[in-house]
């Protein structure tokens, strides 16, 4: 429904599922853009092509196929970086070039608190957060530690391909079930 304030998307990766809660109330342009790519199956078969572990800690995907082949994207969108959402661990933001309003399909998930991305550090703007991981942070963390190297002139590229097999919307009920299943985890009986 176009009026939903929170929308849920599951990204099935080669290392497991990541469930996102997208905040349309705070980032309507960005969420609708991300959903347009999701609904058109643009993300299916793309890769996580950057794993950054330095001044910032993020995993980035959404625009390249295996072999670092760039996909043709829609027009860039306005940067909603002043919406009040912060680049904290577990949030998802739009990747862009140095100019503020250049984000298209590529996104990154913050694997640590990256508060420097909330300030106008690149082109006089920060990076627009538009949602958060609500299940599958263990998958995000698994991607964060994959070995990386130099490929086709790009640094921080996973040596073994990390595939985004499919991205699709799910209902709030499905998201809740996935969150509950993850939070239950293994149970153990007390000793004695």
C-alpha atoms as a PDB file:
ATOM      1  CA  UNK A   1       0.000   0.000   0.000  1.00  0.00           C
ATOM      2  CA  UNK A   2       1.461   3.380  -0.979  1.00  0.00           C
ATOM      3  CA  UNK A   3       0.442   4.920   2.370  1.00  0.00           C
ATOM      4  CA  UNK A   4       2.241   2.398   4.591  1.00  0.00           C
ATOM      5  CA  UNK A   5       4.734   4.198   6.836  1.00  0.00           C
ATOM      6  CA  UNK A   6       6.870   1.078   7.376  1.00  0.00           C
ATOM      7  CA  UNK A   7       7.527  -1.388   4.563  1.00  0.00           C
ATOM      8  CA  UNK A   8       9.402  -4.676   4.900  1.00  0.00           C
ATOM      9  CA  UNK A   9      11.786  -6.252   2.393  1.00  0.00           C
ATOM     10  CA  UNK A  10      13.705  -9.512   2.619  1.00  0.00           C
ATOM     11  CA  UNK A  11      17.029  -9.804   0.809  1.00  0.00           C
ATOM     12  CA  UNK A  12      17.952 -13.444   0.246  1.00  0.00           C
ATOM     13  CA  UNK A  13      21.744 -13.596   0.012  1.00  0.00           C
ATOM     14  CA  UNK A  14      24.182 -16.447  -0.551  1.00  0.00           C
ATOM     15  CA  UNK A  15      24.955 -16.224   3.204  1.00  0.00           C
ATOM     16  CA  UNK A  16      21.348 -16.034   4.470  1.00  0.00           C
ATOM     17  CA  UNK A  17      18.367 -13.698   4.676  1.00  0.00           C
ATOM     18  CA  UNK A  18      18.368 -10.045   5.755  1.00  0.00           C
ATOM     19  CA  UNK A  19      15.024  -8.460   6.685  1.00  0.00           C
ATOM     20  CA  UNK A  20      14.723  -4.683   6.315  1.00  0.00           C
ATOM     21  CA  UNK A  21      12.203  -2.285   7.815  1.00  0.00           C
ATOM     22  CA  UNK A  22      12.020   0.743   5.505  1.00  0.00           C
ATOM     23  CA  UNK A  23      10.846   4.060   6.963  1.00  0.00           C
ATOM     24  CA  UNK A  24       8.651   5.757   4.383  1.00  0.00           C
ATOM     25  CA  UNK A  25       7.529   8.379   6.934  1.00  0.00           C
ATOM     26  CA  UNK A  26      11.091   9.725   7.286  1.00  0.00           C
ATOM     27  CA  UNK A  27      12.474   8.974   3.796  1.00  0.00           C
ATOM     28  CA  UNK A  28       9.581   8.738   1.313  1.00  0.00           C
ATOM     29  CA  UNK A  29      11.593   9.448  -1.853  1.00  0.00           C
ATOM     30  CA  UNK A  30      14.347   7.008  -0.921  1.00  0.00           C
ATOM     31  CA  UNK A  31      12.003   4.219   0.168  1.00  0.00           C
ATOM     32  CA  UNK A  32       9.849   4.507  -2.956  1.00  0.00           C
ATOM     33  CA  UNK A  33      13.021   4.444  -5.082  1.00  0.00           C
ATOM     34  CA  UNK A  34      14.318   1.315  -3.294  1.00  0.00           C
ATOM     35  CA  UNK A  35      10.915  -0.381  -3.654  1.00  0.00           C
ATOM     36  CA  UNK A  36      10.819   0.410  -7.380  1.00  0.00           C
ATOM     37  CA  UNK A  37      14.135  -1.420  -7.784  1.00  0.00           C
ATOM     38  CA  UNK A  38      12.906  -4.258  -5.547  1.00  0.00           C
ATOM     39  CA  UNK A  39       9.569  -4.697  -7.347  1.00  0.00           C
ATOM     40  CA  UNK A  40      11.230  -4.694 -10.786  1.00  0.00           C
ATOM     41  CA  UNK A  41      13.626  -7.460  -9.576  1.00  0.00           C
ATOM     42  CA  UNK A  42      16.597  -5.193 -10.348  1.00  0.00           C
ATOM     43  CA  UNK A  43      18.488  -6.375  -7.266  1.00  0.00           C
ATOM     44  CA  UNK A  44      18.079 -10.086  -8.072  1.00  0.00           C
ATOM     45  CA  UNK A  45      21.443 -11.559  -9.061  1.00  0.00           C
ATOM     46  CA  UNK A  46      23.480  -8.531  -7.977  1.00  0.00           C
ATOM     47  CA  UNK A  47      26.411  -8.743  -5.567  1.00  0.00           C
ATOM     48  CA  UNK A  48      27.711  -7.129  -2.432  1.00  0.00           C
ATOM     49  CA  UNK A  49      30.670  -5.548  -4.184  1.00  0.00           C
ATOM     50  CA  UNK A  50      32.274  -3.581  -1.315  1.00  0.00           C
ATOM     51  CA  UNK A  51      33.105  -4.513   2.250  1.00  0.00           C
ATOM     52  CA  UNK A  52      34.673  -1.521   3.983  1.00  0.00           C
ATOM     53  CA  UNK A  53      36.596  -1.918   7.238  1.00  0.00           C
ATOM     54  CA  UNK A  54      38.453   1.291   7.977  1.00  0.00           C
ATOM     55  CA  UNK A  55      37.253   4.732   9.035  1.00  0.00           C
ATOM     56  CA  UNK A  56      33.746   3.418   8.388  1.00  0.00           C
ATOM     57  CA  UNK A  57      32.361  -0.116   8.481  1.00  0.00           C
ATOM     58  CA  UNK A  58      29.777  -0.966   5.814  1.00  0.00           C
ATOM     59  CA  UNK A  59      28.736  -3.579   3.280  1.00  0.00           C
ATOM     60  CA  UNK A  60      27.605  -2.170  -0.072  1.00  0.00           C
ATOM     61  CA  UNK A  61      25.543  -3.631  -2.890  1.00  0.00           C
ATOM     62  CA  UNK A  62      22.686  -3.004  -5.264  1.00  0.00           C
ATOM     63  CA  UNK A  63      24.252  -2.047  -8.558  1.00  0.00           C
ATOM     64  CA  UNK A  64      26.743  -4.600  -9.879  1.00  0.00           C
ATOM     65  CA  UNK A  65      26.470  -8.146 -11.189  1.00  0.00           C
ATOM     66  CA  UNK A  66      29.146 -10.851 -10.761  1.00  0.00           C
ATOM     67  CA  UNK A  67      32.332  -9.797 -12.537  1.00  0.00           C
ATOM     68  CA  UNK A  68      31.692  -6.199 -11.352  1.00  0.00           C
ATOM     69  CA  UNK A  69      29.390  -5.522 -14.296  1.00  0.00           C
ATOM     70  CA  UNK A  70      27.441  -2.304 -13.657  1.00  0.00           C
ATOM     71  CA  UNK A  71      23.671  -2.410 -14.214  1.00  0.00           C
ATOM     72  CA  UNK A  72      21.736   0.404 -15.910  1.00  0.00           C
ATOM     73  CA  UNK A  73      19.810   2.369 -13.277  1.00  0.00           C
ATOM     74  CA  UNK A  74      16.911   4.763 -13.015  1.00  0.00           C
ATOM     75  CA  UNK A  75      17.454   8.516 -12.620  1.00  0.00           C
ATOM     76  CA  UNK A  76      19.184   9.753  -9.418  1.00  0.00           C
ATOM     77  CA  UNK A  77      17.073  10.860  -6.462  1.00  0.00           C
ATOM     78  CA  UNK A  78      17.103  13.735  -3.978  1.00  0.00           C
ATOM     79  CA  UNK A  79      19.280  13.114  -0.917  1.00  0.00           C
ATOM     80  CA  UNK A  80      17.082  12.897   2.220  1.00  0.00           C
ATOM     81  CA  UNK A  81      20.022  12.960   4.647  1.00  0.00           C
ATOM     82  CA  UNK A  82      18.420  15.553   6.974  1.00  0.00           C
ATOM     83  CA  UNK A  83      15.464  13.290   7.899  1.00  0.00           C
ATOM     84  CA  UNK A  84      16.686  12.668  11.468  1.00  0.00           C
ATOM     85  CA  UNK A  85      17.715   9.021  10.932  1.00  0.00           C
ATOM     86  CA  UNK A  86      21.338   8.288  11.830  1.00  0.00           C
ATOM     87  CA  UNK A  87      23.984   6.015  10.272  1.00  0.00           C
ATOM     88  CA  UNK A  88      24.001   3.688  13.278  1.00  0.00           C
ATOM     89  CA  UNK A  89      24.870  -0.004  13.274  1.00  0.00           C
ATOM     90  CA  UNK A  90      22.204  -1.978  11.437  1.00  0.00           C
ATOM     91  CA  UNK A  91      20.771   0.903   9.408  1.00  0.00           C
ATOM     92  CA  UNK A  92      20.576   0.999   5.612  1.00  0.00           C
ATOM     93  CA  UNK A  93      21.571   4.105   3.629  1.00  0.00           C
ATOM     94  CA  UNK A  94      21.934   5.157   0.025  1.00  0.00           C
ATOM     95  CA  UNK A  95      25.351   5.104  -1.605  1.00  0.00           C
ATOM     96  CA  UNK A  96      26.169   7.984  -3.957  1.00  0.00           C
ATOM     97  CA  UNK A  97      29.010   9.854  -5.605  1.00  0.00           C
ATOM     98  CA  UNK A  98      30.452  13.055  -4.109  1.00  0.00           C
ATOM     99  CA  UNK A  99      27.505  15.141  -5.349  1.00  0.00           C
ATOM    100  CA  UNK A 100      24.592  14.941  -2.884  1.00  0.00           C
ATOM    101  CA  UNK A 101      21.705  14.069  -5.246  1.00  0.00           C
ATOM    102  CA  UNK A 102      23.333  11.207  -7.166  1.00  0.00           C
ATOM    103  CA  UNK A 103      21.999   8.055  -5.439  1.00  0.00           C
ATOM    104  CA  UNK A 104      20.362   5.529  -7.745  1.00  0.00           C
ATOM    105  CA  UNK A 105      20.250   1.828  -6.786  1.00  0.00           C
ATOM    106  CA  UNK A 106      23.295   1.234  -4.607  1.00  0.00           C
ATOM    107  CA  UNK A 107      22.865   1.002  -0.854  1.00  0.00           C
ATOM    108  CA  UNK A 108      25.008   0.189   2.136  1.00  0.00           C
ATOM    109  CA  UNK A 109      24.317  -1.347   5.524  1.00  0.00           C
ATOM    110  CA  UNK A 110      26.194   0.136   8.468  1.00  0.00           C
ATOM    111  CA  UNK A 111      27.976  -2.598  10.402  1.00  0.00           C
ATOM    112  CA  UNK A 112      29.097  -0.137  13.089  1.00  0.00           C
ATOM    113  CA  UNK A 113      28.008   3.318  14.214  1.00  0.00           C
ATOM    114  CA  UNK A 114      29.232   5.593  11.403  1.00  0.00           C
ATOM    115  CA  UNK A 115      28.246   9.014  12.764  1.00  0.00           C
ATOM    116  CA  UNK A 116      30.682  10.770  10.411  1.00  0.00           C
ATOM    117  CA  UNK A 117      28.252   9.883   7.573  1.00  0.00           C
ATOM    118  CA  UNK A 118      25.561  11.995   9.270  1.00  0.00           C
ATOM    119  CA  UNK A 119      27.616  15.163   8.753  1.00  0.00           C
ATOM    120  CA  UNK A 120      28.068  17.126   5.503  1.00  0.00           C
ATOM    121  CA  UNK A 121      31.324  15.360   4.606  1.00  0.00           C
ATOM    122  CA  UNK A 122      30.892  14.787   0.884  1.00  0.00           C
ATOM    123  CA  UNK A 123      29.532  17.446  -1.437  1.00  0.00           C
ATOM    124  CA  UNK A 124      28.129  19.365   1.514  1.00  0.00           C
ATOM    125  CA  UNK A 125      25.772  16.560   2.565  1.00  0.00           C
ATOM    126  CA  UNK A 126      25.640  13.389   4.598  1.00  0.00           C
ATOM    127  CA  UNK A 127      24.285   9.973   3.584  1.00  0.00           C
ATOM    128  CA  UNK A 128      20.544   9.260   3.671  1.00  0.00           C
ATOM    129  CA  UNK A 129      19.384   6.543   6.062  1.00  0.00           C
ATOM    130  CA  UNK A 130      16.033   5.042   5.052  1.00  0.00           C
ATOM    131  CA  UNK A 131      15.583   1.946   7.179  1.00  0.00           C
ATOM    132  CA  UNK A 132      17.135  -0.696   9.399  1.00  0.00           C
ATOM    133  CA  UNK A 133      17.842  -4.398   9.623  1.00  0.00           C
ATOM    134  CA  UNK A 134      15.265  -6.085  11.866  1.00  0.00           C
ATOM    135  CA  UNK A 135      16.393  -9.695  11.308  1.00  0.00           C
ATOM    136  CA  UNK A 136      19.525 -11.209   9.819  1.00  0.00           C
ATOM    137  CA  UNK A 137      22.140  -8.942  11.361  1.00  0.00           C
ATOM    138  CA  UNK A 138      24.215 -12.110  11.773  1.00  0.00           C
ATOM    139  CA  UNK A 139      24.198 -12.373   7.960  1.00  0.00           C
ATOM    140  CA  UNK A 140      25.305  -8.736   7.658  1.00  0.00           C
ATOM    141  CA  UNK A 141      28.121  -9.449  10.125  1.00  0.00           C
ATOM    142  CA  UNK A 142      29.126 -12.557   8.147  1.00  0.00           C
ATOM    143  CA  UNK A 143      29.407 -10.461   4.969  1.00  0.00           C
ATOM    144  CA  UNK A 144      31.405  -7.808   6.883  1.00  0.00           C
ATOM    145  CA  UNK A 145      34.209 -10.291   7.654  1.00  0.00           C
ATOM    146  CA  UNK A 146      34.601 -11.962   4.237  1.00  0.00           C
ATOM    147  CA  UNK A 147      38.123 -11.685   2.823  1.00  0.00           C
ATOM    148  CA  UNK A 148      38.492  -8.813   0.350  1.00  0.00           C
ATOM    149  CA  UNK A 149      41.012  -7.753  -2.250  1.00  0.00           C
ATOM    150  CA  UNK A 150      41.607  -5.729  -5.387  1.00  0.00           C
ATOM    151  CA  UNK A 151      39.530  -6.607  -8.466  1.00  0.00           C
ATOM    152  CA  UNK A 152      39.334  -4.590 -11.702  1.00  0.00           C
ATOM    153  CA  UNK A 153      40.891  -1.582  -9.997  1.00  0.00           C
ATOM    154  CA  UNK A 154      38.400  -1.641  -7.119  1.00  0.00           C
ATOM    155  CA  UNK A 155      39.500  -2.206  -3.541  1.00  0.00           C
ATOM    156  CA  UNK A 156      37.431  -3.818  -0.773  1.00  0.00           C
ATOM    157  CA  UNK A 157      35.853  -6.364  -3.152  1.00  0.00           C
ATOM    158  CA  UNK A 158      34.916  -9.736  -1.628  1.00  0.00           C
ATOM    159  CA  UNK A 159      37.241 -12.407  -3.026  1.00  0.00           C
ATOM    160  CA  UNK A 160      34.397 -14.959  -3.019  1.00  0.00           C
ATOM    161  CA  UNK A 161      31.171 -13.611  -4.542  1.00  0.00           C
ATOM    162  CA  UNK A 162      28.458 -12.647  -2.056  1.00  0.00           C
ATOM    163  CA  UNK A 163      25.251 -12.809  -4.093  1.00  0.00           C
ATOM    164  CA  UNK A 164      22.006 -10.951  -3.481  1.00  0.00           C
ATOM    165  CA  UNK A 165      19.859 -13.717  -4.942  1.00  0.00           C
ATOM    166  CA  UNK A 166      16.480 -12.016  -4.536  1.00  0.00           C
ATOM    167  CA  UNK A 167      14.893  -8.983  -2.896  1.00  0.00           C
ATOM    168  CA  UNK A 168      11.145  -8.849  -2.346  1.00  0.00           C
ATOM    169  CA  UNK A 169       8.532  -7.151  -0.205  1.00  0.00           C
ATOM    170  CA  UNK A 170       7.062  -9.125   2.667  1.00  0.00           C
ATOM    171  CA  UNK A 171       4.069  -8.444   4.889  1.00  0.00           C
ATOM    172  CA  UNK A 172       4.446  -6.996   8.393  1.00  0.00           C
ATOM    173  CA  UNK A 173       3.167 -10.361   9.688  1.00  0.00           C
ATOM    174  CA  UNK A 174       5.877 -12.283   7.812  1.00  0.00           C
ATOM    175  CA  UNK A 175       8.498  -9.829   9.098  1.00  0.00           C
ATOM    176  CA  UNK A 176       7.233 -10.254  12.675  1.00  0.00           C
ATOM    177  CA  UNK A 177       7.437 -14.053  12.386  1.00  0.00           C
ATOM    178  CA  UNK A 178      11.002 -13.844  11.086  1.00  0.00           C
ATOM    179  CA  UNK A 179      12.005 -11.481  13.902  1.00  0.00           C
ATOM    180  CA  UNK A 180      10.400 -13.730  16.526  1.00  0.00           C
ATOM    181  CA  UNK A 181      12.051 -16.847  15.086  1.00  0.00           C
ATOM    182  CA  UNK A 182      15.455 -15.155  15.184  1.00  0.00           C
ATOM    183  CA  UNK A 183      15.000 -13.879  18.739  1.00  0.00           C
ATOM    184  CA  UNK A 184      13.981 -17.280  20.117  1.00  0.00           C
ATOM    185  CA  UNK A 185      17.283 -18.935  19.177  1.00  0.00           C
ATOM    186  CA  UNK A 186      18.353 -22.247  20.717  1.00  0.00           C
ATOM    187  CA  UNK A 187      16.978 -23.042  24.150  1.00  0.00           C
ATOM    188  CA  UNK A 188      18.830 -24.982  26.819  1.00  0.00           C
ATOM    189  CA  UNK A 189      17.528 -26.677  29.933  1.00  0.00           C
ATOM    190  CA  UNK A 190      18.939 -25.533  33.255  1.00  0.00           C
ATOM    191  CA  UNK A 191      21.425 -27.957  34.818  1.00  0.00           C
ATOM    192  CA  UNK A 192      20.274 -30.162  37.702  1.00  0.00           C
END
